[in-house]
């Protein structure tokens, strides 16, 4: 069984889904770096995010601020972004909903929300919530 070692949610305020996806990818990578990881595989249910990772020139100007920071992180680590279907991204969607619902930002290193642990277990066993 895989173990959750860290999780986060963050309230980004008003903006687009693509801004939230880009900022969450950056926040997740920065958390991985803080935890000492140098080989990172990010999964996203956004085909656009995966495409921007492969083709920097296709990043919209409105997201350039975050993608400049992302490409700086990509230079420092062994990293890839892979596409997953929405059903396989339920743990990340759950954490995002906490930030939106409570207008809050938080990191977890223990005492994870129950639903997060349950979601990860279901995904590891091949069931999607």
N, C-alpha and C. Protein backbone atom coordinates (compact mmCIF):
# COMPACT_ATOMS: atom_id res chain seq x y z
N UNK A 1 0.84 -1.18 0.00
CA UNK A 1 0.00 0.00 0.00
C UNK A 1 0.89 1.25 0.00
N UNK A 2 0.49 2.23 -0.78
CA UNK A 2 1.22 3.49 -0.80
C UNK A 2 0.79 4.34 0.38
N UNK A 3 1.69 5.20 0.80
CA UNK A 3 1.45 6.03 1.97
C UNK A 3 1.46 7.50 1.59
N UNK A 4 0.50 8.24 2.07
CA UNK A 4 0.48 9.68 1.87
C UNK A 4 1.47 10.30 2.85
N UNK A 5 2.41 11.10 2.34
CA UNK A 5 3.38 11.73 3.24
C UNK A 5 3.16 13.23 3.37
N UNK A 6 2.46 13.81 2.43
CA UNK A 6 2.17 15.25 2.51
C UNK A 6 1.00 15.56 1.57
N UNK A 7 0.27 16.58 1.92
CA UNK A 7 -0.84 17.05 1.09
C UNK A 7 -1.04 18.53 1.38
N UNK A 8 -1.71 19.20 0.47
CA UNK A 8 -1.98 20.62 0.71
C UNK A 8 -3.25 21.02 0.00
N UNK A 9 -3.80 22.12 0.48
CA UNK A 9 -4.83 22.81 -0.28
C UNK A 9 -4.55 24.29 -0.12
N UNK A 10 -4.97 25.04 -1.12
CA UNK A 10 -4.71 26.48 -1.11
C UNK A 10 -5.87 27.19 -1.80
N UNK A 11 -6.26 28.28 -1.20
CA UNK A 11 -7.29 29.11 -1.80
C UNK A 11 -6.60 30.17 -2.65
N UNK A 12 -6.89 30.17 -3.94
CA UNK A 12 -6.24 31.10 -4.85
C UNK A 12 -7.08 32.33 -5.17
N UNK A 13 -8.28 32.39 -4.67
CA UNK A 13 -9.14 33.53 -4.95
C UNK A 13 -9.74 33.44 -6.34
N UNK A 14 -10.16 34.58 -6.84
CA UNK A 14 -10.78 34.61 -8.17
C UNK A 14 -9.75 34.33 -9.24
N UNK A 15 -10.17 33.60 -10.25
CA UNK A 15 -9.28 33.28 -11.36
C UNK A 15 -9.88 32.17 -12.19
N UNK A 16 -9.12 31.72 -13.14
CA UNK A 16 -9.58 30.66 -14.03
C UNK A 16 -9.14 29.29 -13.51
N UNK A 17 -9.75 28.27 -14.05
CA UNK A 17 -9.35 26.90 -13.73
C UNK A 17 -7.89 26.69 -14.12
N UNK A 18 -7.48 27.22 -15.25
CA UNK A 18 -6.10 27.05 -15.71
C UNK A 18 -5.10 27.74 -14.78
N UNK A 19 -5.49 28.88 -14.23
CA UNK A 19 -4.62 29.52 -13.24
C UNK A 19 -4.49 28.64 -12.00
N UNK A 20 -5.60 28.11 -11.53
CA UNK A 20 -5.56 27.25 -10.35
C UNK A 20 -4.74 25.99 -10.61
N UNK A 21 -4.91 25.36 -11.77
CA UNK A 21 -4.13 24.16 -12.12
C UNK A 21 -2.63 24.48 -12.15
N UNK A 22 -2.27 25.60 -12.76
CA UNK A 22 -0.86 25.99 -12.86
C UNK A 22 -0.27 26.30 -11.49
N UNK A 23 -1.01 27.05 -10.69
CA UNK A 23 -0.51 27.41 -9.37
C UNK A 23 -0.41 26.19 -8.46
N UNK A 24 -1.37 25.27 -8.56
CA UNK A 24 -1.32 24.06 -7.73
C UNK A 24 -0.13 23.18 -8.13
N UNK A 25 0.16 23.11 -9.42
CA UNK A 25 1.34 22.35 -9.87
C UNK A 25 2.61 22.96 -9.28
N UNK A 26 2.72 24.28 -9.32
CA UNK A 26 3.87 24.96 -8.76
C UNK A 26 3.96 24.74 -7.25
N UNK A 27 2.86 24.89 -6.54
CA UNK A 27 2.86 24.68 -5.09
C UNK A 27 3.25 23.24 -4.74
N UNK A 28 2.74 22.28 -5.50
CA UNK A 28 3.07 20.88 -5.26
C UNK A 28 4.54 20.59 -5.49
N UNK A 29 5.09 21.15 -6.55
CA UNK A 29 6.52 20.96 -6.82
C UNK A 29 7.38 21.60 -5.74
N UNK A 30 7.00 22.78 -5.30
CA UNK A 30 7.77 23.44 -4.24
C UNK A 30 7.71 22.64 -2.95
N UNK A 31 6.57 22.04 -2.65
CA UNK A 31 6.46 21.19 -1.48
C UNK A 31 7.37 19.97 -1.62
N UNK A 32 7.40 19.36 -2.79
CA UNK A 32 8.30 18.22 -3.02
C UNK A 32 9.75 18.61 -2.82
N UNK A 33 10.13 19.77 -3.32
CA UNK A 33 11.51 20.25 -3.14
C UNK A 33 11.83 20.45 -1.66
N UNK A 34 10.90 21.04 -0.92
CA UNK A 34 11.11 21.24 0.51
C UNK A 34 11.28 19.92 1.25
N UNK A 35 10.62 18.87 0.76
CA UNK A 35 10.71 17.56 1.39
C UNK A 35 11.94 16.77 0.90
N UNK A 36 12.70 17.36 -0.03
CA UNK A 36 13.95 16.74 -0.47
C UNK A 36 13.84 15.82 -1.67
N UNK A 37 12.72 15.85 -2.37
CA UNK A 37 12.57 14.99 -3.54
C UNK A 37 13.21 15.64 -4.76
N UNK A 38 13.93 14.85 -5.55
CA UNK A 38 14.55 15.39 -6.76
C UNK A 38 14.06 14.67 -8.01
N UNK A 39 13.32 13.59 -7.86
CA UNK A 39 12.69 12.88 -8.98
C UNK A 39 11.19 12.91 -8.74
N UNK A 40 10.48 13.63 -9.60
CA UNK A 40 9.07 13.91 -9.35
C UNK A 40 8.25 13.61 -10.60
N UNK A 41 7.16 12.89 -10.42
CA UNK A 41 6.18 12.68 -11.48
C UNK A 41 4.89 13.34 -11.02
N UNK A 42 4.46 14.34 -11.77
CA UNK A 42 3.19 15.01 -11.47
C UNK A 42 2.13 14.45 -12.40
N UNK A 43 0.94 14.27 -11.85
CA UNK A 43 -0.19 13.82 -12.66
C UNK A 43 -1.23 14.92 -12.67
N UNK A 44 -1.80 15.14 -13.85
CA UNK A 44 -2.82 16.17 -13.99
C UNK A 44 -3.94 15.64 -14.87
N UNK A 45 -5.17 16.02 -14.52
CA UNK A 45 -6.28 15.66 -15.40
C UNK A 45 -6.54 16.76 -16.43
N UNK A 46 -5.64 17.74 -16.48
CA UNK A 46 -5.76 18.82 -17.45
C UNK A 46 -4.84 18.54 -18.65
N UNK A 47 -5.45 18.26 -19.79
CA UNK A 47 -4.66 18.04 -20.99
C UNK A 47 -3.89 19.31 -21.37
N UNK A 48 -4.46 20.47 -21.05
CA UNK A 48 -3.76 21.72 -21.33
C UNK A 48 -2.47 21.84 -20.53
N UNK A 49 -2.53 21.54 -19.23
CA UNK A 49 -1.34 21.62 -18.39
C UNK A 49 -0.27 20.67 -18.92
N UNK A 50 -0.66 19.46 -19.27
CA UNK A 50 0.31 18.49 -19.80
C UNK A 50 0.91 19.00 -21.11
N UNK A 51 0.08 19.61 -21.94
CA UNK A 51 0.57 20.17 -23.20
C UNK A 51 1.53 21.33 -22.98
N UNK A 52 1.23 22.20 -22.03
CA UNK A 52 2.12 23.33 -21.74
C UNK A 52 3.46 22.84 -21.21
N UNK A 53 3.44 21.75 -20.46
CA UNK A 53 4.70 21.17 -19.96
C UNK A 53 5.58 20.72 -21.13
N UNK A 54 4.97 20.14 -22.15
CA UNK A 54 5.72 19.64 -23.30
C UNK A 54 6.10 20.76 -24.28
N UNK A 55 5.32 21.83 -24.33
CA UNK A 55 5.56 22.90 -25.29
C UNK A 55 5.43 24.26 -24.61
N UNK A 56 6.53 24.74 -24.11
CA UNK A 56 6.55 26.00 -23.37
C UNK A 56 5.96 27.17 -24.17
N UNK A 57 6.15 27.14 -25.46
CA UNK A 57 5.69 28.25 -26.30
C UNK A 57 4.17 28.33 -26.38
N UNK A 58 3.47 27.28 -25.97
CA UNK A 58 2.01 27.31 -26.06
C UNK A 58 1.33 27.83 -24.78
N UNK A 59 2.12 28.19 -23.77
CA UNK A 59 1.56 28.71 -22.51
C UNK A 59 0.94 30.08 -22.77
N UNK A 60 -0.32 30.27 -22.40
CA UNK A 60 -0.95 31.59 -22.59
C UNK A 60 -0.24 32.67 -21.77
N UNK A 61 -0.20 33.86 -22.29
CA UNK A 61 0.51 34.95 -21.61
C UNK A 61 -0.05 35.19 -20.22
N UNK A 62 -1.35 34.95 -20.03
CA UNK A 62 -1.98 35.21 -18.73
C UNK A 62 -1.48 34.25 -17.64
N UNK A 63 -0.84 33.17 -18.04
CA UNK A 63 -0.30 32.19 -17.09
C UNK A 63 1.22 32.23 -17.02
N UNK A 64 1.81 33.12 -17.78
CA UNK A 64 3.26 33.16 -17.91
C UNK A 64 3.98 33.31 -16.57
N UNK A 65 3.44 34.11 -15.68
CA UNK A 65 4.06 34.33 -14.37
C UNK A 65 4.33 33.01 -13.65
N UNK A 66 3.33 32.12 -13.62
CA UNK A 66 3.48 30.85 -12.91
C UNK A 66 4.33 29.86 -13.71
N UNK A 67 4.21 29.88 -15.03
CA UNK A 67 4.97 28.93 -15.82
C UNK A 67 6.45 29.29 -15.90
N UNK A 68 6.80 30.55 -15.79
CA UNK A 68 8.22 30.91 -15.68
C UNK A 68 8.80 30.27 -14.42
N UNK A 69 8.07 30.38 -13.32
CA UNK A 69 8.51 29.75 -12.06
C UNK A 69 8.53 28.23 -12.19
N UNK A 70 7.53 27.66 -12.86
CA UNK A 70 7.50 26.20 -13.05
C UNK A 70 8.69 25.72 -13.86
N UNK A 71 8.99 26.38 -14.96
CA UNK A 71 10.12 25.95 -15.78
C UNK A 71 11.45 26.12 -15.04
N UNK A 72 11.53 27.07 -14.12
CA UNK A 72 12.72 27.20 -13.28
C UNK A 72 12.86 25.97 -12.37
N UNK A 73 11.75 25.52 -11.80
CA UNK A 73 11.77 24.31 -10.95
C UNK A 73 12.11 23.09 -11.81
N UNK A 74 11.52 22.97 -12.99
CA UNK A 74 11.78 21.82 -13.86
C UNK A 74 13.27 21.67 -14.16
N UNK A 75 14.00 22.79 -14.24
CA UNK A 75 15.45 22.74 -14.51
C UNK A 75 16.23 22.11 -13.35
N UNK A 76 15.68 22.20 -12.14
CA UNK A 76 16.40 21.76 -10.94
C UNK A 76 16.10 20.33 -10.53
N UNK A 77 15.11 19.69 -11.14
CA UNK A 77 14.72 18.34 -10.73
C UNK A 77 14.51 17.45 -11.95
N UNK A 78 14.53 16.16 -11.72
CA UNK A 78 14.14 15.19 -12.73
C UNK A 78 12.62 15.10 -12.65
N UNK A 79 11.94 15.65 -13.63
CA UNK A 79 10.51 15.84 -13.51
C UNK A 79 9.78 15.51 -14.80
N UNK A 80 8.56 15.00 -14.65
CA UNK A 80 7.68 14.82 -15.79
C UNK A 80 6.24 15.06 -15.34
N UNK A 81 5.41 15.45 -16.29
CA UNK A 81 3.97 15.62 -16.04
C UNK A 81 3.25 14.64 -16.94
N UNK A 82 2.37 13.84 -16.33
CA UNK A 82 1.61 12.87 -17.11
C UNK A 82 0.11 13.17 -16.97
N UNK A 83 -0.62 12.81 -18.00
CA UNK A 83 -2.07 13.02 -17.99
C UNK A 83 -2.76 11.82 -17.38
N UNK A 84 -3.74 12.08 -16.52
CA UNK A 84 -4.60 11.04 -15.96
C UNK A 84 -6.05 11.47 -16.18
N UNK A 85 -6.93 10.50 -16.20
CA UNK A 85 -8.33 10.84 -16.31
C UNK A 85 -8.84 11.42 -14.99
N UNK A 86 -9.89 12.18 -15.07
CA UNK A 86 -10.45 12.87 -13.91
C UNK A 86 -10.70 11.92 -12.74
N UNK A 87 -11.15 10.71 -13.03
CA UNK A 87 -11.45 9.75 -11.97
C UNK A 87 -10.22 9.38 -11.16
N UNK A 88 -9.05 9.41 -11.77
CA UNK A 88 -7.81 9.06 -11.07
C UNK A 88 -7.25 10.25 -10.29
N UNK A 89 -7.89 11.39 -10.40
CA UNK A 89 -7.41 12.61 -9.76
C UNK A 89 -8.29 13.02 -8.58
N UNK A 90 -9.05 12.09 -8.04
CA UNK A 90 -10.03 12.44 -7.01
C UNK A 90 -9.39 12.95 -5.73
N UNK A 91 -8.21 12.45 -5.36
CA UNK A 91 -7.55 12.94 -4.15
C UNK A 91 -7.19 14.42 -4.30
N UNK A 92 -6.62 14.78 -5.44
CA UNK A 92 -6.26 16.19 -5.68
C UNK A 92 -7.50 17.06 -5.75
N UNK A 93 -8.56 16.56 -6.38
CA UNK A 93 -9.80 17.34 -6.45
C UNK A 93 -10.41 17.55 -5.07
N UNK A 94 -10.31 16.53 -4.22
CA UNK A 94 -10.82 16.67 -2.86
C UNK A 94 -10.05 17.76 -2.11
N UNK A 95 -8.73 17.75 -2.22
CA UNK A 95 -7.93 18.76 -1.52
C UNK A 95 -8.23 20.16 -2.06
N UNK A 96 -8.38 20.28 -3.37
CA UNK A 96 -8.72 21.58 -3.97
C UNK A 96 -10.06 22.08 -3.44
N UNK A 97 -11.02 21.16 -3.27
CA UNK A 97 -12.34 21.57 -2.79
C UNK A 97 -12.28 22.10 -1.36
N UNK A 98 -11.34 21.61 -0.55
CA UNK A 98 -11.18 22.14 0.81
C UNK A 98 -10.75 23.60 0.77
N UNK A 99 -9.79 23.92 -0.10
CA UNK A 99 -9.34 25.30 -0.22
C UNK A 99 -10.46 26.23 -0.67
N UNK A 100 -11.24 25.76 -1.63
CA UNK A 100 -12.35 26.56 -2.15
C UNK A 100 -13.45 26.72 -1.10
N UNK A 101 -13.80 25.62 -0.48
CA UNK A 101 -14.91 25.62 0.49
C UNK A 101 -14.62 26.51 1.70
N UNK A 102 -13.42 26.39 2.22
CA UNK A 102 -13.08 27.08 3.47
C UNK A 102 -12.27 28.37 3.25
N UNK A 103 -12.01 28.71 1.99
CA UNK A 103 -11.20 29.91 1.68
C UNK A 103 -9.92 29.90 2.53
N UNK A 104 -9.24 28.75 2.51
CA UNK A 104 -8.07 28.60 3.37
C UNK A 104 -6.94 27.88 2.64
N UNK A 105 -5.77 27.97 3.22
CA UNK A 105 -4.60 27.27 2.72
C UNK A 105 -4.00 26.49 3.87
N UNK A 106 -3.62 25.23 3.59
CA UNK A 106 -3.06 24.40 4.66
C UNK A 106 -2.22 23.29 4.08
N UNK A 107 -1.18 22.94 4.82
CA UNK A 107 -0.35 21.79 4.49
C UNK A 107 -0.57 20.71 5.54
N UNK A 108 -0.55 19.47 5.09
CA UNK A 108 -0.70 18.34 6.00
C UNK A 108 0.54 17.45 5.89
N UNK A 109 1.09 17.07 7.03
CA UNK A 109 2.19 16.11 7.08
C UNK A 109 1.80 14.92 7.94
N UNK A 110 0.69 15.03 8.60
CA UNK A 110 0.09 13.95 9.39
C UNK A 110 -1.36 14.35 9.62
N UNK A 111 -2.11 13.50 10.27
CA UNK A 111 -3.53 13.76 10.53
C UNK A 111 -4.24 14.24 9.26
N UNK A 112 -4.08 13.45 8.21
CA UNK A 112 -4.69 13.79 6.93
C UNK A 112 -6.22 13.68 7.01
N UNK A 113 -6.92 14.48 6.23
CA UNK A 113 -8.38 14.32 6.19
C UNK A 113 -8.73 12.88 5.81
N UNK A 114 -9.71 12.30 6.48
CA UNK A 114 -10.05 10.90 6.26
C UNK A 114 -10.32 10.60 4.80
N UNK A 115 -11.11 11.44 4.14
CA UNK A 115 -11.48 11.16 2.75
C UNK A 115 -10.25 11.10 1.87
N UNK A 116 -9.20 11.86 2.17
CA UNK A 116 -7.98 11.82 1.37
C UNK A 116 -7.35 10.44 1.45
N UNK A 117 -7.20 9.91 2.66
CA UNK A 117 -6.63 8.58 2.82
C UNK A 117 -7.49 7.53 2.14
N UNK A 118 -8.78 7.61 2.28
CA UNK A 118 -9.67 6.63 1.65
C UNK A 118 -9.56 6.70 0.13
N UNK A 119 -9.46 7.91 -0.41
CA UNK A 119 -9.36 8.08 -1.85
C UNK A 119 -8.07 7.47 -2.38
N UNK A 120 -6.97 7.69 -1.68
CA UNK A 120 -5.68 7.15 -2.13
C UNK A 120 -5.71 5.63 -2.09
N UNK A 121 -6.29 5.05 -1.06
CA UNK A 121 -6.39 3.59 -0.98
C UNK A 121 -7.19 3.04 -2.15
N UNK A 122 -8.31 3.67 -2.46
CA UNK A 122 -9.12 3.21 -3.59
C UNK A 122 -8.35 3.29 -4.90
N UNK A 123 -7.60 4.36 -5.09
CA UNK A 123 -6.83 4.52 -6.33
C UNK A 123 -5.74 3.46 -6.43
N UNK A 124 -5.04 3.19 -5.33
CA UNK A 124 -3.98 2.18 -5.34
C UNK A 124 -4.55 0.83 -5.72
N UNK A 125 -5.76 0.50 -5.26
CA UNK A 125 -6.36 -0.78 -5.57
C UNK A 125 -7.02 -0.79 -6.93
N UNK A 126 -7.00 0.32 -7.64
CA UNK A 126 -7.54 0.36 -8.99
C UNK A 126 -8.99 0.77 -9.09
N UNK A 127 -9.58 1.20 -7.99
CA UNK A 127 -10.96 1.69 -8.02
C UNK A 127 -10.91 3.21 -7.97
N UNK A 128 -11.79 3.83 -8.65
CA UNK A 128 -11.81 5.30 -8.65
C UNK A 128 -13.06 5.78 -7.95
N UNK A 129 -12.87 6.77 -7.08
CA UNK A 129 -13.99 7.30 -6.31
C UNK A 129 -14.69 8.39 -7.08
